[in-house]
Amino acid sequence: MKTKTIKNLGVAAVFLLTVAITPVLAQVSKEVTFQVSLVEWYDLYISQNTITFTDVAPSIVENPGTVSIPANEGAINVRAFAIIIPSSSLQLTVTAQGDLTSGSYTIPANTISWTASGTGYQAGSLSAGTAIPVGSWSGSVFHWHEGTLNFSFLRDYTTQAPGTYTLTATYTLSKV
């Protein structure tokens, strides 16, 4: 029995010695590529989607002329948000889809104008069919720009017929 145990120990020792000395015969490596797609993001907030003006009576003491009528809603809050490529610029424009109309009567779109506050926002007036800058910014991936616009209507008592006039304007926030 002792001989068999010694023999088994010898075989085990040779086996362990062989396993310890023998190099790994095969190895496999795989490369994995990771890809992340980041997209540009845009959002535009305008606190009012309807802006109204109430006519004021002309002065009977003076020869009627023109008067600037402020919007009933007061200051309109605007927030432009974007995540874009840093070498790009961000621009907010407004395009009037036509002039103010009431039946067959028209008043030029540019009788509606605005003043602006907030970094990058600028004053201007509407123009039928033409994109007018409202704000512009550059130099960053992340954009968050808050401002206010104060609209007014230029009433001309000598050329504008009474009526309820409307026009639609489109605000567009884009990378340029």
N, C-alpha and C. Protein backbone atom coordinates (compact mmCIF):
# COMPACT_ATOMS: atom_id res chain seq x y z
N MET A 1 0.81 -1.17 0.00
CA MET A 1 0.00 0.00 0.00
C MET A 1 0.86 1.25 0.00
N LYS A 2 1.97 1.20 0.71
CA LYS A 2 2.86 2.34 0.73
C LYS A 2 3.44 2.58 -0.64
N THR A 3 3.70 1.56 -1.38
CA THR A 3 4.27 1.70 -2.70
C THR A 3 3.28 2.37 -3.63
N LYS A 4 2.04 2.00 -3.54
CA LYS A 4 1.02 2.59 -4.40
C LYS A 4 0.84 4.08 -4.08
N THR A 5 0.86 4.47 -2.80
CA THR A 5 0.72 5.86 -2.41
C THR A 5 1.89 6.66 -2.92
N ILE A 6 3.10 6.13 -2.80
CA ILE A 6 4.28 6.85 -3.28
C ILE A 6 4.21 6.97 -4.80
N LYS A 7 3.75 5.92 -5.47
CA LYS A 7 3.62 5.96 -6.91
C LYS A 7 2.61 7.02 -7.32
N ASN A 8 1.46 7.11 -6.64
CA ASN A 8 0.43 8.10 -6.94
C ASN A 8 0.94 9.52 -6.69
N LEU A 9 1.71 9.67 -5.60
CA LEU A 9 2.29 10.99 -5.32
C LEU A 9 3.28 11.39 -6.41
N GLY A 10 4.00 10.46 -6.92
CA GLY A 10 4.95 10.75 -7.99
C GLY A 10 4.25 11.18 -9.26
N VAL A 11 3.17 10.49 -9.59
CA VAL A 11 2.40 10.85 -10.79
C VAL A 11 1.80 12.23 -10.61
N ALA A 12 1.25 12.51 -9.42
CA ALA A 12 0.65 13.81 -9.14
C ALA A 12 1.70 14.91 -9.23
N ALA A 13 2.89 14.65 -8.71
CA ALA A 13 3.97 15.65 -8.75
C ALA A 13 4.37 15.93 -10.19
N VAL A 14 4.50 14.89 -11.01
CA VAL A 14 4.86 15.08 -12.43
C VAL A 14 3.76 15.85 -13.14
N PHE A 15 2.50 15.55 -12.85
CA PHE A 15 1.38 16.25 -13.47
C PHE A 15 1.39 17.73 -13.11
N LEU A 16 1.54 18.03 -11.79
CA LEU A 16 1.57 19.42 -11.35
C LEU A 16 2.76 20.16 -11.95
N LEU A 17 3.90 19.52 -12.00
CA LEU A 17 5.09 20.13 -12.57
C LEU A 17 4.88 20.40 -14.05
N THR A 18 4.24 19.52 -14.77
CA THR A 18 3.98 19.68 -16.19
C THR A 18 3.01 20.83 -16.43
N VAL A 19 1.95 20.92 -15.63
CA VAL A 19 0.97 21.98 -15.78
C VAL A 19 1.60 23.32 -15.46
N ALA A 20 2.40 23.42 -14.45
CA ALA A 20 3.02 24.68 -14.06
C ALA A 20 4.02 25.16 -15.09
N ILE A 21 4.70 24.29 -15.77
CA ILE A 21 5.74 24.68 -16.72
C ILE A 21 5.17 24.90 -18.11
N THR A 22 4.10 24.22 -18.45
CA THR A 22 3.54 24.30 -19.79
C THR A 22 2.89 25.68 -20.00
N PRO A 23 3.28 26.44 -21.07
CA PRO A 23 2.65 27.73 -21.34
C PRO A 23 1.23 27.54 -21.87
N VAL A 24 0.45 28.62 -21.80
CA VAL A 24 -0.89 28.59 -22.36
C VAL A 24 -0.73 28.47 -23.86
N LEU A 25 -1.41 27.54 -24.42
CA LEU A 25 -1.20 27.26 -25.84
C LEU A 25 -2.04 28.12 -26.77
N ALA A 26 -3.18 28.68 -26.30
CA ALA A 26 -4.05 29.48 -27.17
C ALA A 26 -4.57 30.68 -26.40
N GLN A 27 -4.74 31.80 -27.12
CA GLN A 27 -5.29 33.01 -26.53
C GLN A 27 -6.05 33.76 -27.61
N VAL A 28 -7.18 34.35 -27.26
CA VAL A 28 -8.00 35.07 -28.22
C VAL A 28 -8.26 36.47 -27.67
N SER A 29 -8.11 37.49 -28.52
CA SER A 29 -8.43 38.88 -28.15
C SER A 29 -9.44 39.41 -29.15
N LYS A 30 -10.34 40.24 -28.67
CA LYS A 30 -11.33 40.90 -29.54
C LYS A 30 -11.35 42.37 -29.18
N GLU A 31 -11.38 43.21 -30.20
CA GLU A 31 -11.53 44.64 -29.99
C GLU A 31 -13.01 45.00 -30.16
N VAL A 32 -13.49 45.88 -29.31
CA VAL A 32 -14.86 46.35 -29.37
C VAL A 32 -14.83 47.86 -29.53
N THR A 33 -15.56 48.38 -30.50
CA THR A 33 -15.64 49.82 -30.74
C THR A 33 -16.93 50.33 -30.13
N PHE A 34 -16.83 51.39 -29.36
CA PHE A 34 -18.00 52.03 -28.77
C PHE A 34 -18.26 53.32 -29.53
N GLN A 35 -19.51 53.57 -29.82
CA GLN A 35 -19.88 54.77 -30.55
C GLN A 35 -21.04 55.44 -29.85
N VAL A 36 -20.92 56.74 -29.62
CA VAL A 36 -21.98 57.53 -29.01
C VAL A 36 -22.35 58.63 -29.99
N SER A 37 -23.60 58.72 -30.34
CA SER A 37 -24.06 59.77 -31.25
C SER A 37 -24.76 60.85 -30.43
N LEU A 38 -24.21 62.04 -30.45
CA LEU A 38 -24.80 63.18 -29.74
C LEU A 38 -25.39 64.11 -30.78
N VAL A 39 -26.63 64.49 -30.57
CA VAL A 39 -27.32 65.33 -31.54
C VAL A 39 -27.43 66.77 -31.03
N GLU A 40 -27.67 67.67 -31.94
CA GLU A 40 -27.93 69.05 -31.56
C GLU A 40 -29.35 69.15 -31.03
N TRP A 41 -29.56 70.04 -30.08
CA TRP A 41 -30.87 70.24 -29.48
C TRP A 41 -31.23 71.71 -29.54
N TYR A 42 -32.49 71.99 -29.85
CA TYR A 42 -32.98 73.35 -29.93
C TYR A 42 -34.33 73.43 -29.22
N ASP A 43 -34.56 74.53 -28.54
CA ASP A 43 -35.89 74.78 -27.98
C ASP A 43 -36.08 76.29 -27.91
N LEU A 44 -37.29 76.72 -28.12
CA LEU A 44 -37.61 78.14 -28.12
C LEU A 44 -38.89 78.33 -27.32
N TYR A 45 -38.84 79.24 -26.37
CA TYR A 45 -40.00 79.57 -25.56
C TYR A 45 -40.36 81.03 -25.78
N ILE A 46 -41.60 81.31 -26.08
CA ILE A 46 -42.13 82.67 -26.19
C ILE A 46 -43.39 82.69 -25.33
N SER A 47 -43.44 83.60 -24.37
CA SER A 47 -44.49 83.56 -23.35
C SER A 47 -45.90 83.85 -23.89
N GLN A 48 -46.03 84.42 -25.06
CA GLN A 48 -47.34 84.70 -25.65
C GLN A 48 -47.38 84.21 -27.09
N ASN A 49 -48.49 83.60 -27.47
CA ASN A 49 -48.61 83.24 -28.89
C ASN A 49 -49.61 84.14 -29.62
N THR A 50 -50.18 85.11 -28.89
CA THR A 50 -51.01 86.15 -29.50
C THR A 50 -50.63 87.48 -28.86
N ILE A 51 -50.36 88.46 -29.68
CA ILE A 51 -50.00 89.80 -29.19
C ILE A 51 -51.03 90.77 -29.77
N THR A 52 -51.60 91.59 -28.90
CA THR A 52 -52.69 92.47 -29.30
C THR A 52 -52.36 93.93 -29.00
N PHE A 53 -52.99 94.80 -29.74
CA PHE A 53 -52.84 96.25 -29.57
C PHE A 53 -54.24 96.87 -29.55
N THR A 54 -54.46 97.79 -28.65
CA THR A 54 -55.74 98.48 -28.57
C THR A 54 -55.55 99.91 -29.04
N ASP A 55 -56.34 100.30 -30.02
CA ASP A 55 -56.24 101.64 -30.59
C ASP A 55 -56.49 102.70 -29.52
N VAL A 56 -55.85 103.85 -29.70
CA VAL A 56 -56.08 104.99 -28.82
C VAL A 56 -56.65 106.13 -29.66
N ALA A 57 -57.47 106.92 -29.04
CA ALA A 57 -58.10 108.03 -29.75
C ALA A 57 -57.07 109.10 -30.09
N PRO A 58 -57.17 109.67 -31.29
CA PRO A 58 -56.25 110.76 -31.64
C PRO A 58 -56.60 112.02 -30.84
N SER A 59 -55.62 112.86 -30.72
CA SER A 59 -55.83 114.13 -30.01
C SER A 59 -56.64 115.07 -30.91
N ILE A 60 -57.74 115.63 -30.38
CA ILE A 60 -58.53 116.57 -31.18
C ILE A 60 -57.93 117.97 -31.15
N VAL A 61 -56.94 118.16 -30.28
CA VAL A 61 -56.27 119.45 -30.20
C VAL A 61 -55.22 119.57 -31.30
N GLU A 62 -54.58 118.44 -31.64
CA GLU A 62 -53.52 118.43 -32.65
C GLU A 62 -54.03 117.79 -33.93
N ASN A 63 -53.39 118.12 -35.02
CA ASN A 63 -53.68 117.46 -36.28
C ASN A 63 -53.28 115.99 -36.13
N PRO A 64 -54.22 115.05 -36.35
CA PRO A 64 -53.86 113.64 -36.14
C PRO A 64 -52.68 113.24 -37.02
N GLY A 65 -51.81 112.48 -36.47
CA GLY A 65 -50.64 111.98 -37.20
C GLY A 65 -50.43 110.52 -36.86
N THR A 66 -49.33 110.24 -36.23
CA THR A 66 -49.04 108.86 -35.84
C THR A 66 -48.79 108.79 -34.34
N VAL A 67 -49.03 107.61 -33.81
CA VAL A 67 -48.76 107.35 -32.40
C VAL A 67 -48.33 105.89 -32.27
N SER A 68 -47.38 105.65 -31.38
CA SER A 68 -46.92 104.29 -31.10
C SER A 68 -47.78 103.69 -29.99
N ILE A 69 -48.39 102.54 -30.27
CA ILE A 69 -49.28 101.87 -29.31
C ILE A 69 -48.56 100.63 -28.78
N PRO A 70 -48.33 100.57 -27.47
CA PRO A 70 -47.67 99.38 -26.91
C PRO A 70 -48.60 98.17 -26.89
N ALA A 71 -48.00 96.97 -26.92
CA ALA A 71 -48.78 95.74 -26.85
C ALA A 71 -49.50 95.63 -25.52
N ASN A 72 -50.72 95.14 -25.54
CA ASN A 72 -51.50 94.96 -24.31
C ASN A 72 -50.83 94.01 -23.33
N GLU A 73 -50.06 93.06 -23.82
CA GLU A 73 -49.46 92.03 -22.98
C GLU A 73 -48.20 92.49 -22.25
N GLY A 74 -47.69 93.66 -22.59
CA GLY A 74 -46.45 94.14 -21.96
C GLY A 74 -45.26 93.37 -22.49
N ALA A 75 -44.23 93.24 -21.67
CA ALA A 75 -43.00 92.57 -22.09
C ALA A 75 -43.27 91.08 -22.32
N ILE A 76 -42.78 90.58 -23.43
CA ILE A 76 -42.91 89.17 -23.79
C ILE A 76 -41.58 88.48 -23.47
N ASN A 77 -41.64 87.43 -22.67
CA ASN A 77 -40.43 86.68 -22.31
C ASN A 77 -40.06 85.72 -23.42
N VAL A 78 -38.76 85.67 -23.72
CA VAL A 78 -38.24 84.79 -24.76
C VAL A 78 -37.06 84.03 -24.17
N ARG A 79 -37.01 82.73 -24.47
CA ARG A 79 -35.88 81.92 -24.03
C ARG A 79 -35.43 81.05 -25.20
N ALA A 80 -34.18 81.20 -25.59
CA ALA A 80 -33.60 80.38 -26.65
C ALA A 80 -32.65 79.40 -26.00
N PHE A 81 -32.79 78.11 -26.34
CA PHE A 81 -31.95 77.07 -25.78
C PHE A 81 -31.41 76.22 -26.92
N ALA A 82 -30.12 75.92 -26.87
CA ALA A 82 -29.54 75.04 -27.88
C ALA A 82 -28.25 74.42 -27.37
N ILE A 83 -27.99 73.23 -27.87
CA ILE A 83 -26.70 72.59 -27.71
C ILE A 83 -26.22 72.33 -29.13
N ILE A 84 -25.13 73.02 -29.50
CA ILE A 84 -24.64 72.95 -30.89
C ILE A 84 -23.13 72.81 -30.90
N ILE A 85 -22.58 72.59 -32.08
CA ILE A 85 -21.13 72.52 -32.27
C ILE A 85 -20.55 73.89 -31.91
N PRO A 86 -19.48 73.93 -31.11
CA PRO A 86 -18.98 75.21 -30.59
C PRO A 86 -18.50 76.21 -31.65
N SER A 87 -18.11 75.76 -32.81
CA SER A 87 -17.66 76.70 -33.84
C SER A 87 -18.83 77.34 -34.59
N SER A 88 -20.05 76.93 -34.26
CA SER A 88 -21.25 77.47 -34.91
C SER A 88 -21.81 78.64 -34.11
N SER A 89 -22.66 79.39 -34.76
CA SER A 89 -23.40 80.47 -34.10
C SER A 89 -24.86 80.10 -34.06
N LEU A 90 -25.57 80.70 -33.13
CA LEU A 90 -27.00 80.48 -32.97
C LEU A 90 -27.71 81.77 -33.31
N GLN A 91 -28.81 81.67 -34.05
CA GLN A 91 -29.55 82.87 -34.44
C GLN A 91 -31.05 82.65 -34.29
N LEU A 92 -31.73 83.69 -33.79
CA LEU A 92 -33.18 83.71 -33.70
C LEU A 92 -33.67 84.77 -34.68
N THR A 93 -34.59 84.36 -35.57
CA THR A 93 -35.16 85.30 -36.55
C THR A 93 -36.67 85.24 -36.48
N VAL A 94 -37.31 86.27 -37.02
CA VAL A 94 -38.76 86.28 -37.16
C VAL A 94 -39.10 86.68 -38.59
N THR A 95 -40.07 85.98 -39.17
CA THR A 95 -40.52 86.27 -40.53
C THR A 95 -42.03 86.46 -40.53
N ALA A 96 -42.48 87.64 -40.92
CA ALA A 96 -43.92 87.88 -41.07
C ALA A 96 -44.35 87.21 -42.37
N GLN A 97 -45.45 86.48 -42.31
CA GLN A 97 -45.91 85.75 -43.49
C GLN A 97 -46.65 86.65 -44.48
N GLY A 98 -46.76 87.91 -44.15
CA GLY A 98 -47.40 88.88 -45.03
C GLY A 98 -47.62 90.16 -44.26
N ASP A 99 -48.34 91.09 -44.84
CA ASP A 99 -48.68 92.33 -44.15
C ASP A 99 -49.91 92.12 -43.28
N LEU A 100 -50.21 93.08 -42.44
CA LEU A 100 -51.45 93.06 -41.65
C LEU A 100 -52.62 93.23 -42.62
N THR A 101 -53.65 92.40 -42.46
CA THR A 101 -54.81 92.51 -43.35
C THR A 101 -56.11 92.52 -42.56
N SER A 102 -57.06 93.27 -43.07
CA SER A 102 -58.43 93.29 -42.57
C SER A 102 -59.31 93.39 -43.80
N GLY A 103 -59.85 92.23 -44.23
CA GLY A 103 -60.60 92.22 -45.49
C GLY A 103 -59.68 92.60 -46.64
N SER A 104 -60.05 93.65 -47.38
CA SER A 104 -59.22 94.07 -48.51
C SER A 104 -58.20 95.15 -48.11
N TYR A 105 -58.21 95.58 -46.86
CA TYR A 105 -57.28 96.61 -46.39
C TYR A 105 -55.99 95.97 -45.87
N THR A 106 -54.88 96.66 -46.08
CA THR A 106 -53.59 96.17 -45.59
C THR A 106 -52.82 97.30 -44.91
N ILE A 107 -52.00 96.90 -43.99
CA ILE A 107 -51.05 97.80 -43.32
C ILE A 107 -49.71 97.08 -43.36
N PRO A 108 -48.63 97.76 -43.72
CA PRO A 108 -47.32 97.09 -43.79
C PRO A 108 -46.93 96.42 -42.47
N ALA A 109 -46.31 95.26 -42.58
CA ALA A 109 -45.87 94.50 -41.40
C ALA A 109 -44.90 95.30 -40.54
N ASN A 110 -44.12 96.18 -41.17
CA ASN A 110 -43.10 96.92 -40.42
C ASN A 110 -43.68 97.97 -39.46
N THR A 111 -45.00 98.09 -39.41
CA THR A 111 -45.60 98.98 -38.40
C THR A 111 -45.57 98.32 -37.02
N ILE A 112 -45.24 97.04 -36.98
CA ILE A 112 -45.04 96.35 -35.70
C ILE A 112 -43.54 96.24 -35.47
N SER A 113 -43.10 96.79 -34.35
CA SER A 113 -41.67 96.77 -34.01
C SER A 113 -41.51 96.33 -32.57
N TRP A 114 -40.27 96.15 -32.16
CA TRP A 114 -39.99 95.75 -30.78
C TRP A 114 -38.66 96.31 -30.31
N THR A 115 -38.58 96.50 -29.02
CA THR A 115 -37.32 96.76 -28.35
C THR A 115 -36.96 95.46 -27.64
N ALA A 116 -35.70 95.30 -27.29
CA ALA A 116 -35.27 94.04 -26.71
C ALA A 116 -34.34 94.27 -25.53
N SER A 117 -34.41 93.35 -24.58
CA SER A 117 -33.44 93.33 -23.49
C SER A 117 -32.96 91.90 -23.32
N GLY A 118 -31.76 91.75 -22.83
CA GLY A 118 -31.15 90.43 -22.68
C GLY A 118 -29.97 90.32 -23.62
N THR A 119 -28.91 89.69 -23.15
CA THR A 119 -27.68 89.56 -23.94
C THR A 119 -27.95 88.88 -25.27
N GLY A 120 -27.55 89.53 -26.36
CA GLY A 120 -27.69 88.99 -27.70
C GLY A 120 -28.99 89.31 -28.41
N TYR A 121 -30.01 89.77 -27.67
CA TYR A 121 -31.28 90.13 -28.30
C TYR A 121 -31.18 91.52 -28.89
N GLN A 122 -31.91 91.77 -29.98
CA GLN A 122 -31.82 93.07 -30.63
C GLN A 122 -33.20 93.57 -31.08
N ALA A 123 -33.32 94.88 -31.14
CA ALA A 123 -34.57 95.53 -31.56
C ALA A 123 -34.74 95.39 -33.07
N GLY A 124 -35.98 95.55 -33.52
CA GLY A 124 -36.24 95.49 -34.95
C GLY A 124 -37.71 95.70 -35.24
N SER A 125 -38.08 95.46 -36.49
CA SER A 125 -39.49 95.52 -36.89
C SER A 125 -39.74 94.41 -37.90
N LEU A 126 -40.99 93.97 -37.95
CA LEU A 126 -41.37 92.90 -38.86
C LEU A 126 -41.21 93.34 -40.31
N SER A 127 -41.04 92.36 -41.17
CA SER A 127 -40.97 92.61 -42.60
C SER A 127 -41.63 91.42 -43.29
N ALA A 128 -42.58 91.69 -44.17
CA ALA A 128 -43.30 90.63 -44.86
C ALA A 128 -42.36 89.80 -45.71
N GLY A 129 -42.29 88.49 -45.40
CA GLY A 129 -41.50 87.57 -46.21
C GLY A 129 -40.01 87.60 -45.99
N THR A 130 -39.52 88.40 -45.08
CA THR A 130 -38.08 88.52 -44.85
C THR A 130 -37.76 88.15 -43.41
N ALA A 131 -36.75 87.29 -43.23
CA ALA A 131 -36.31 86.91 -41.88
C ALA A 131 -35.53 88.07 -41.26
N ILE A 132 -36.00 88.54 -40.12
CA ILE A 132 -35.37 89.65 -39.40
C ILE A 132 -34.71 89.10 -38.14
N PRO A 133 -33.44 89.46 -37.89
CA PRO A 133 -32.76 88.97 -36.69
C PRO A 133 -33.42 89.49 -35.41
N VAL A 134 -33.58 88.60 -34.44
CA VAL A 134 -34.10 88.95 -33.12
C VAL A 134 -33.02 88.74 -32.07
N GLY A 135 -32.11 87.81 -32.33
CA GLY A 135 -31.00 87.55 -31.41
C GLY A 135 -29.94 86.70 -32.08
N SER A 136 -28.71 86.82 -31.59
CA SER A 136 -27.63 85.98 -32.11
C SER A 136 -26.58 85.78 -31.01
N TRP A 137 -25.98 84.57 -31.03
CA TRP A 137 -25.01 84.19 -30.00
C TRP A 137 -23.98 83.26 -30.61
N SER A 138 -22.77 83.22 -30.04
CA SER A 138 -21.73 82.32 -30.54
C SER A 138 -20.78 81.94 -29.42
N GLY A 139 -19.91 80.97 -29.74
CA GLY A 139 -18.80 80.63 -28.86
C GLY A 139 -19.05 79.61 -27.78
N SER A 140 -20.10 78.82 -27.88
CA SER A 140 -20.37 77.87 -26.81
C SER A 140 -21.08 76.64 -27.36
N VAL A 141 -20.94 75.52 -26.67
CA VAL A 141 -21.71 74.33 -26.99
C VAL A 141 -23.12 74.51 -26.42
N PHE A 142 -23.17 74.99 -25.18
CA PHE A 142 -24.44 75.13 -24.46
C PHE A 142 -24.92 76.57 -24.53
N HIS A 143 -26.14 76.76 -24.99
CA HIS A 143 -26.74 78.09 -25.08
C HIS A 143 -28.02 78.13 -24.26
N TRP A 144 -28.14 79.15 -23.44
CA TRP A 144 -29.37 79.40 -22.67
C TRP A 144 -29.47 80.92 -22.60
N HIS A 145 -30.36 81.50 -23.41
CA HIS A 145 -30.43 82.96 -23.53
C HIS A 145 -31.85 83.43 -23.24
N GLU A 146 -31.99 84.21 -22.18
CA GLU A 146 -33.29 84.75 -21.80
C GLU A 146 -33.33 86.24 -22.10
N GLY A 147 -34.48 86.70 -22.56
CA GLY A 147 -34.64 88.12 -22.84
C GLY A 147 -36.11 88.49 -22.86
N THR A 148 -36.36 89.75 -23.13
CA THR A 148 -37.74 90.23 -23.27
C THR A 148 -37.85 91.07 -24.53
N LEU A 149 -39.03 91.02 -25.13
CA LEU A 149 -39.35 91.85 -26.29
C LEU A 149 -40.57 92.68 -25.93
N ASN A 150 -40.49 93.97 -26.22
CA ASN A 150 -41.61 94.89 -25.99
C ASN A 150 -42.10 95.37 -27.36
N PHE A 151 -43.28 94.93 -27.74
CA PHE A 151 -43.82 95.24 -29.05
C PHE A 151 -44.64 96.52 -29.04
N SER A 152 -44.64 97.19 -30.20
CA SER A 152 -45.49 98.36 -30.38
C SER A 152 -45.97 98.39 -31.83
N PHE A 153 -47.10 99.07 -32.02
CA PHE A 153 -47.71 99.23 -33.34
C PHE A 153 -47.74 100.71 -33.65
N LEU A 154 -47.30 101.08 -34.84
CA LEU A 154 -47.29 102.49 -35.24
C LEU A 154 -48.62 102.81 -35.95
N ARG A 155 -49.47 103.51 -35.23
CA ARG A 155 -50.80 103.87 -35.75
C ARG A 155 -50.68 105.15 -36.55
N ASP A 156 -51.14 105.12 -37.80
CA ASP A 156 -51.17 106.30 -38.66
C ASP A 156 -52.64 106.62 -38.94
N TYR A 157 -53.14 107.67 -38.33
CA TYR A 157 -54.56 108.01 -38.43
C TYR A 157 -54.95 108.50 -39.82
N THR A 158 -53.98 108.90 -40.62
CA THR A 158 -54.31 109.46 -41.93
C THR A 158 -54.36 108.41 -43.04
N THR A 159 -53.78 107.21 -42.81
CA THR A 159 -53.74 106.21 -43.89
C THR A 159 -54.30 104.84 -43.51
N GLN A 160 -54.48 104.55 -42.24
CA GLN A 160 -54.92 103.22 -41.82
C GLN A 160 -56.43 103.21 -41.54
N ALA A 161 -57.15 102.46 -42.35
CA ALA A 161 -58.61 102.36 -42.20
C ALA A 161 -58.97 101.55 -40.96
N PRO A 162 -60.05 101.89 -40.28
CA PRO A 162 -60.49 101.08 -39.14
C PRO A 162 -60.75 99.63 -39.55
N GLY A 163 -60.49 98.70 -38.64
CA GLY A 163 -60.70 97.27 -38.89
C GLY A 163 -59.88 96.46 -37.88
N THR A 164 -60.07 95.16 -37.92
CA THR A 164 -59.27 94.25 -37.09
C THR A 164 -58.26 93.58 -38.02
N TYR A 165 -57.01 93.94 -37.88
CA TYR A 165 -55.95 93.49 -38.76
C TYR A 165 -55.17 92.35 -38.10
N THR A 166 -54.77 91.39 -38.90
CA THR A 166 -53.97 90.28 -38.37
C THR A 166 -52.85 89.92 -39.34
N LEU A 167 -51.83 89.34 -38.77
CA LEU A 167 -50.76 88.70 -39.53
C LEU A 167 -50.16 87.63 -38.64
N THR A 168 -49.54 86.65 -39.25
CA THR A 168 -48.84 85.60 -38.52
C THR A 168 -47.35 85.73 -38.81
N ALA A 169 -46.57 85.56 -37.76
CA ALA A 169 -45.11 85.62 -37.90
C ALA A 169 -44.52 84.34 -37.33
N THR A 170 -43.44 83.88 -37.94
CA THR A 170 -42.77 82.66 -37.51
C THR A 170 -41.40 82.99 -36.94
N TYR A 171 -41.16 82.53 -35.71
CA TYR A 171 -39.85 82.67 -35.07
C TYR A 171 -39.07 81.39 -35.31
N THR A 172 -37.82 81.54 -35.73
CA THR A 172 -36.98 80.38 -36.06
C THR A 172 -35.65 80.48 -35.33
N LEU A 173 -35.32 79.45 -34.58
CA LEU A 173 -34.03 79.35 -33.88
C LEU A 173 -33.19 78.35 -34.66
N SER A 174 -32.01 78.79 -35.11
CA SER A 174 -31.20 77.89 -35.95
C SER A 174 -29.71 78.15 -35.78
N LYS A 175 -28.96 77.15 -36.20
CA LYS A 175 -27.50 77.25 -36.21
C LYS A 175 -27.09 77.91 -37.53
N VAL A 176 -26.16 78.84 -37.46
CA VAL A 176 -25.66 79.49 -38.68
C VAL A 176 -24.15 79.39 -38.75
